[in-house]
């Protein structure tokens, strides 16, 4: 995954997050949802 992310994103930051265990996945999902609310449907 790291190699694929670097190929796509170059030097931009990448975070690998487990979605099988909630070790922060809820916080990440909440952050994404808060940003998506800014865009009209």
PDB file of N, CA and C in Angstrom:
ATOM      1  N   UNK A   1       0.814  -1.190   0.000  1.00  0.00           N
ATOM      2  CA  UNK A   1       0.000   0.000   0.000  1.00  0.00           C
ATOM      3  C   UNK A   1       0.857   1.254   0.000  1.00  0.00           C
ATOM      4  N   UNK A   2       1.927   1.227   0.754  1.00  0.00           N
ATOM      5  CA  UNK A   2       2.789   2.403   0.835  1.00  0.00           C
ATOM      6  C   UNK A   2       3.353   2.748  -0.545  1.00  0.00           C
ATOM      7  N   UNK A   3       3.801   1.752  -1.256  1.00  0.00           N
ATOM      8  CA  UNK A   3       4.386   1.985  -2.584  1.00  0.00           C
ATOM      9  C   UNK A   3       3.336   2.588  -3.535  1.00  0.00           C
ATOM     10  N   UNK A   4       2.119   2.046  -3.502  1.00  0.00           N
ATOM     11  CA  UNK A   4       1.060   2.561  -4.358  1.00  0.00           C
ATOM     12  C   UNK A   4       0.695   4.001  -3.992  1.00  0.00           C
ATOM     13  N   UNK A   5       0.624   4.287  -2.692  1.00  0.00           N
ATOM     14  CA  UNK A   5       0.293   5.639  -2.245  1.00  0.00           C
ATOM     15  C   UNK A   5       1.371   6.621  -2.682  1.00  0.00           C
ATOM     16  N   UNK A   6       2.628   6.237  -2.540  1.00  0.00           N
ATOM     17  CA  UNK A   6       3.719   7.130  -2.952  1.00  0.00           C
ATOM     18  C   UNK A   6       3.710   7.357  -4.463  1.00  0.00           C
ATOM     19  N   UNK A   7       3.359   6.332  -5.226  1.00  0.00           N
ATOM     20  CA  UNK A   7       3.292   6.475  -6.682  1.00  0.00           C
ATOM     21  C   UNK A   7       2.201   7.472  -7.074  1.00  0.00           C
ATOM     22  N   UNK A   8       1.100   7.474  -6.341  1.00  0.00           N
ATOM     23  CA  UNK A   8      -0.016   8.374  -6.653  1.00  0.00           C
ATOM     24  C   UNK A   8       0.169   9.764  -6.053  1.00  0.00           C
ATOM     25  N   UNK A   9       0.665   9.826  -4.808  1.00  0.00           N
ATOM     26  CA  UNK A   9       0.692  11.080  -4.068  1.00  0.00           C
ATOM     27  C   UNK A   9       2.058  11.742  -4.013  1.00  0.00           C
ATOM     28  N   UNK A  10       3.080  11.037  -4.434  1.00  0.00           N
ATOM     29  CA  UNK A  10       4.414  11.625  -4.377  1.00  0.00           C
ATOM     30  C   UNK A  10       4.832  11.875  -2.939  1.00  0.00           C
ATOM     31  N   UNK A  11       5.231  13.102  -2.633  1.00  0.00           N
ATOM     32  CA  UNK A  11       5.694  13.445  -1.280  1.00  0.00           C
ATOM     33  C   UNK A  11       4.583  13.920  -0.355  1.00  0.00           C
ATOM     34  N   UNK A  12       3.343  13.919  -0.837  1.00  0.00           N
ATOM     35  CA  UNK A  12       2.236  14.345   0.015  1.00  0.00           C
ATOM     36  C   UNK A  12       2.034  13.339   1.140  1.00  0.00           C
ATOM     37  N   UNK A  13       1.534  13.791   2.274  1.00  0.00           N
ATOM     38  CA  UNK A  13       1.363  12.884   3.416  1.00  0.00           C
ATOM     39  C   UNK A  13       0.289  11.826   3.156  1.00  0.00           C
ATOM     40  N   UNK A  14       0.501  10.663   3.727  1.00  0.00           N
ATOM     41  CA  UNK A  14      -0.437   9.550   3.631  1.00  0.00           C
ATOM     42  C   UNK A  14      -0.587   8.934   5.012  1.00  0.00           C
ATOM     43  N   UNK A  15      -1.807   8.637   5.384  1.00  0.00           N
ATOM     44  CA  UNK A  15      -2.077   7.987   6.667  1.00  0.00           C
ATOM     45  C   UNK A  15      -2.728   6.639   6.375  1.00  0.00           C
ATOM     46  N   UNK A  16      -2.209   5.597   6.981  1.00  0.00           N
ATOM     47  CA  UNK A  16      -2.797   4.271   6.855  1.00  0.00           C
ATOM     48  C   UNK A  16      -3.624   4.017   8.104  1.00  0.00           C
ATOM     49  N   UNK A  17      -4.901   3.757   7.902  1.00  0.00           N
ATOM     50  CA  UNK A  17      -5.844   3.618   9.010  1.00  0.00           C
ATOM     51  C   UNK A  17      -6.577   2.297   8.903  1.00  0.00           C
ATOM     52  N   UNK A  18      -6.589   1.549   9.990  1.00  0.00           N
ATOM     53  CA  UNK A  18      -7.350   0.308  10.029  1.00  0.00           C
ATOM     54  C   UNK A  18      -8.828   0.627  10.135  1.00  0.00           C
ATOM     55  N   UNK A  19      -9.627   0.017   9.279  1.00  0.00           N
ATOM     56  CA  UNK A  19     -11.063   0.163   9.374  1.00  0.00           C
ATOM     57  C   UNK A  19     -11.695  -1.067  10.016  1.00  0.00           C
ATOM     58  N   UNK A  20     -10.889  -2.108  10.203  1.00  0.00           N
ATOM     59  CA  UNK A  20     -11.375  -3.321  10.851  1.00  0.00           C
ATOM     60  C   UNK A  20     -11.447  -3.139  12.364  1.00  0.00           C
ATOM     61  N   UNK A  21     -10.532  -2.358  12.912  1.00  0.00           N
ATOM     62  CA  UNK A  21     -10.525  -2.045  14.342  1.00  0.00           C
ATOM     63  C   UNK A  21     -10.659  -0.541  14.489  1.00  0.00           C
ATOM     64  N   UNK A  22     -11.498  -0.121  15.408  1.00  0.00           N
ATOM     65  CA  UNK A  22     -11.732   1.315  15.564  1.00  0.00           C
ATOM     66  C   UNK A  22     -10.641   1.939  16.433  1.00  0.00           C
ATOM     67  N   UNK A  23      -9.470   2.074  15.844  1.00  0.00           N
ATOM     68  CA  UNK A  23      -8.356   2.722  16.546  1.00  0.00           C
ATOM     69  C   UNK A  23      -8.196   4.140  16.016  1.00  0.00           C
ATOM     70  N   UNK A  24      -9.314   4.803  15.856  1.00  0.00           N
ATOM     71  CA  UNK A  24      -9.302   6.154  15.324  1.00  0.00           C
ATOM     72  C   UNK A  24     -10.128   6.301  14.072  1.00  0.00           C
ATOM     73  N   UNK A  25     -10.681   5.195  13.571  1.00  0.00           N
ATOM     74  CA  UNK A  25     -11.452   5.250  12.329  1.00  0.00           C
ATOM     75  C   UNK A  25     -12.676   6.145  12.473  1.00  0.00           C
ATOM     76  N   UNK A  26     -13.313   6.141  13.633  1.00  0.00           N
ATOM     77  CA  UNK A  26     -14.492   6.985  13.842  1.00  0.00           C
ATOM     78  C   UNK A  26     -14.120   8.453  13.744  1.00  0.00           C
ATOM     79  N   UNK A  27     -13.008   8.830  14.332  1.00  0.00           N
ATOM     80  CA  UNK A  27     -12.561  10.226  14.268  1.00  0.00           C
ATOM     81  C   UNK A  27     -12.249  10.628  12.829  1.00  0.00           C
ATOM     82  N   UNK A  28     -11.627   9.757  12.082  1.00  0.00           N
ATOM     83  CA  UNK A  28     -11.307  10.048  10.682  1.00  0.00           C
ATOM     84  C   UNK A  28     -12.604  10.176   9.874  1.00  0.00           C
ATOM     85  N   UNK A  29     -13.535   9.268  10.068  1.00  0.00           N
ATOM     86  CA  UNK A  29     -14.814   9.316   9.346  1.00  0.00           C
ATOM     87  C   UNK A  29     -15.575  10.590   9.689  1.00  0.00           C
ATOM     88  N   UNK A  30     -15.577  10.978  10.966  1.00  0.00           N
ATOM     89  CA  UNK A  30     -16.246  12.217  11.371  1.00  0.00           C
ATOM     90  C   UNK A  30     -15.615  13.424  10.698  1.00  0.00           C
ATOM     91  N   UNK A  31     -14.301  13.444  10.609  1.00  0.00           N
ATOM     92  CA  UNK A  31     -13.586  14.555   9.961  1.00  0.00           C
ATOM     93  C   UNK A  31     -13.962  14.624   8.473  1.00  0.00           C
ATOM     94  N   UNK A  32     -13.990  13.477   7.817  1.00  0.00           N
ATOM     95  CA  UNK A  32     -14.354  13.445   6.396  1.00  0.00           C
ATOM     96  C   UNK A  32     -15.788  13.930   6.209  1.00  0.00           C
ATOM     97  N   UNK A  33     -16.698  13.434   7.044  1.00  0.00           N
ATOM     98  CA  UNK A  33     -18.101  13.850   6.926  1.00  0.00           C
ATOM     99  C   UNK A  33     -18.259  15.349   7.138  1.00  0.00           C
ATOM    100  N   UNK A  34     -17.520  15.923   8.098  1.00  0.00           N
ATOM    101  CA  UNK A  34     -17.628  17.360   8.354  1.00  0.00           C
ATOM    102  C   UNK A  34     -17.170  18.161   7.143  1.00  0.00           C
ATOM    103  N   UNK A  35     -16.179  17.669   6.437  1.00  0.00           N
ATOM    104  CA  UNK A  35     -15.699  18.362   5.246  1.00  0.00           C
ATOM    105  C   UNK A  35     -16.649  18.167   4.059  1.00  0.00           C
ATOM    106  N   UNK A  36     -17.262  17.015   3.963  1.00  0.00           N
ATOM    107  CA  UNK A  36     -18.190  16.762   2.860  1.00  0.00           C
ATOM    108  C   UNK A  36     -19.454  17.595   2.987  1.00  0.00           C
ATOM    109  N   UNK A  37     -19.830  17.953   4.199  1.00  0.00           N
ATOM    110  CA  UNK A  37     -21.032  18.776   4.413  1.00  0.00           C
ATOM    111  C   UNK A  37     -20.885  20.155   3.790  1.00  0.00           C
ATOM    112  N   UNK A  38     -19.682  20.564   3.522  1.00  0.00           N
ATOM    113  CA  UNK A  38     -19.439  21.891   2.938  1.00  0.00           C
ATOM    114  C   UNK A  38     -19.858  21.971   1.468  1.00  0.00           C
ATOM    115  N   UNK A  39     -20.018  20.830   0.831  1.00  0.00           N
ATOM    116  CA  UNK A  39     -20.339  20.798  -0.590  1.00  0.00           C
ATOM    117  C   UNK A  39     -21.826  20.527  -0.776  1.00  0.00           C
ATOM    118  N   UNK A  40     -22.483  21.364  -1.573  1.00  0.00           N
ATOM    119  CA  UNK A  40     -23.916  21.111  -1.825  1.00  0.00           C
ATOM    120  C   UNK A  40     -24.110  19.860  -2.670  1.00  0.00           C
ATOM    121  N   UNK A  41     -25.221  19.246  -2.506  1.00  0.00           N
ATOM    122  CA  UNK A  41     -25.531  18.036  -3.284  1.00  0.00           C
ATOM    123  C   UNK A  41     -26.137  18.356  -4.587  1.00  0.00           C
TER     124      UNK A  41
END
